């Protein structure tokens, strides 16, 4: 069962882009920060950005993405 779910996930770069889009739309549609489901922190930690989904009922999804090194 787990393999089927993992196969349905987008690649990490697309997932990161989708999480940024969701967080951006949530800012536009929900002015009250404490009511937002989606958030994205570009510089969450050194070399890491973080996306979060919080439904307000104790369910959380955290995804950490490594920041790309400058070329």
Protein backbone atom coordinates (compact mmCIF):
# COMPACT_ATOMS: atom_id res chain seq x y z
CA UNK A 1 0.00 0.00 0.00
CA UNK A 2 2.76 2.48 0.90
CA UNK A 3 4.49 2.00 -2.46
CA UNK A 4 1.30 2.92 -4.32
CA UNK A 5 0.96 6.16 -2.35
CA UNK A 6 4.62 7.08 -2.84
CA UNK A 7 4.32 6.57 -6.58
CA UNK A 8 1.50 9.13 -6.69
CA UNK A 9 3.57 11.89 -5.08
CA UNK A 10 5.13 14.47 -7.39
CA UNK A 11 8.91 14.75 -7.58
CA UNK A 12 10.45 16.85 -4.77
CA UNK A 13 10.96 19.99 -6.91
CA UNK A 14 7.32 19.97 -8.04
CA UNK A 15 6.11 19.25 -4.49
CA UNK A 16 8.08 22.24 -3.20
CA UNK A 17 6.61 24.46 -5.91
CA UNK A 18 3.08 23.28 -5.11
CA UNK A 19 3.57 23.92 -1.39
CA UNK A 20 4.78 27.47 -2.13
CA UNK A 21 1.72 28.07 -4.32
CA UNK A 22 -0.66 26.76 -1.65
CA UNK A 23 0.94 28.93 1.02
CA UNK A 24 0.79 32.00 -1.26
CA UNK A 25 -2.87 31.45 -2.07
CA UNK A 26 -3.63 30.93 1.61
CA UNK A 27 -2.10 34.33 2.42
CA UNK A 28 -4.30 35.96 -0.22
CA UNK A 29 -7.50 34.16 0.75
CA UNK A 30 -7.09 34.22 4.54
CA UNK A 31 -5.85 37.49 6.05
CA UNK A 32 -5.83 36.04 9.59
CA UNK A 33 -2.52 34.22 9.94
CA UNK A 34 -3.71 31.95 12.75
CA UNK A 35 -6.49 30.56 10.51
CA UNK A 36 -4.23 29.57 7.61
CA UNK A 37 -3.78 25.87 6.77
CA UNK A 38 -0.67 26.20 4.60
CA UNK A 39 2.59 27.97 5.34
CA UNK A 40 6.06 28.04 3.81
CA UNK A 41 9.25 29.34 5.43
CA UNK A 42 12.06 29.86 2.92
CA UNK A 43 14.90 30.11 5.48
CA UNK A 44 13.50 27.88 8.20
CA UNK A 45 16.96 26.68 9.20
CA UNK A 46 20.42 26.92 7.71
CA UNK A 47 20.14 25.40 4.25
CA UNK A 48 16.57 24.21 4.78
CA UNK A 49 13.13 25.53 3.89
CA UNK A 50 9.95 24.13 5.43
CA UNK A 51 6.37 23.72 4.28
CA UNK A 52 3.59 23.03 6.77
CA UNK A 53 -0.06 22.06 6.58
CA UNK A 54 -2.00 22.46 9.84
CA UNK A 55 -5.75 21.82 9.82
CA UNK A 56 -6.25 23.32 13.28
CA UNK A 57 -7.38 20.01 14.78
CA UNK A 58 -3.97 18.71 15.75
CA UNK A 59 -3.08 17.20 12.38
CA UNK A 60 0.18 18.53 10.95
CA UNK A 61 2.28 17.80 7.89
CA UNK A 62 5.83 19.14 7.84
CA UNK A 63 8.05 18.86 4.77
CA UNK A 64 11.66 20.06 4.82
CA UNK A 65 13.41 20.90 1.57
CA UNK A 66 17.16 21.50 1.21
CA UNK A 67 18.01 24.88 -0.24
CA UNK A 68 19.93 24.69 -3.47
CA UNK A 69 23.57 25.63 -3.20
CA UNK A 70 24.57 28.69 -5.23
CA UNK A 71 26.22 27.78 -8.53
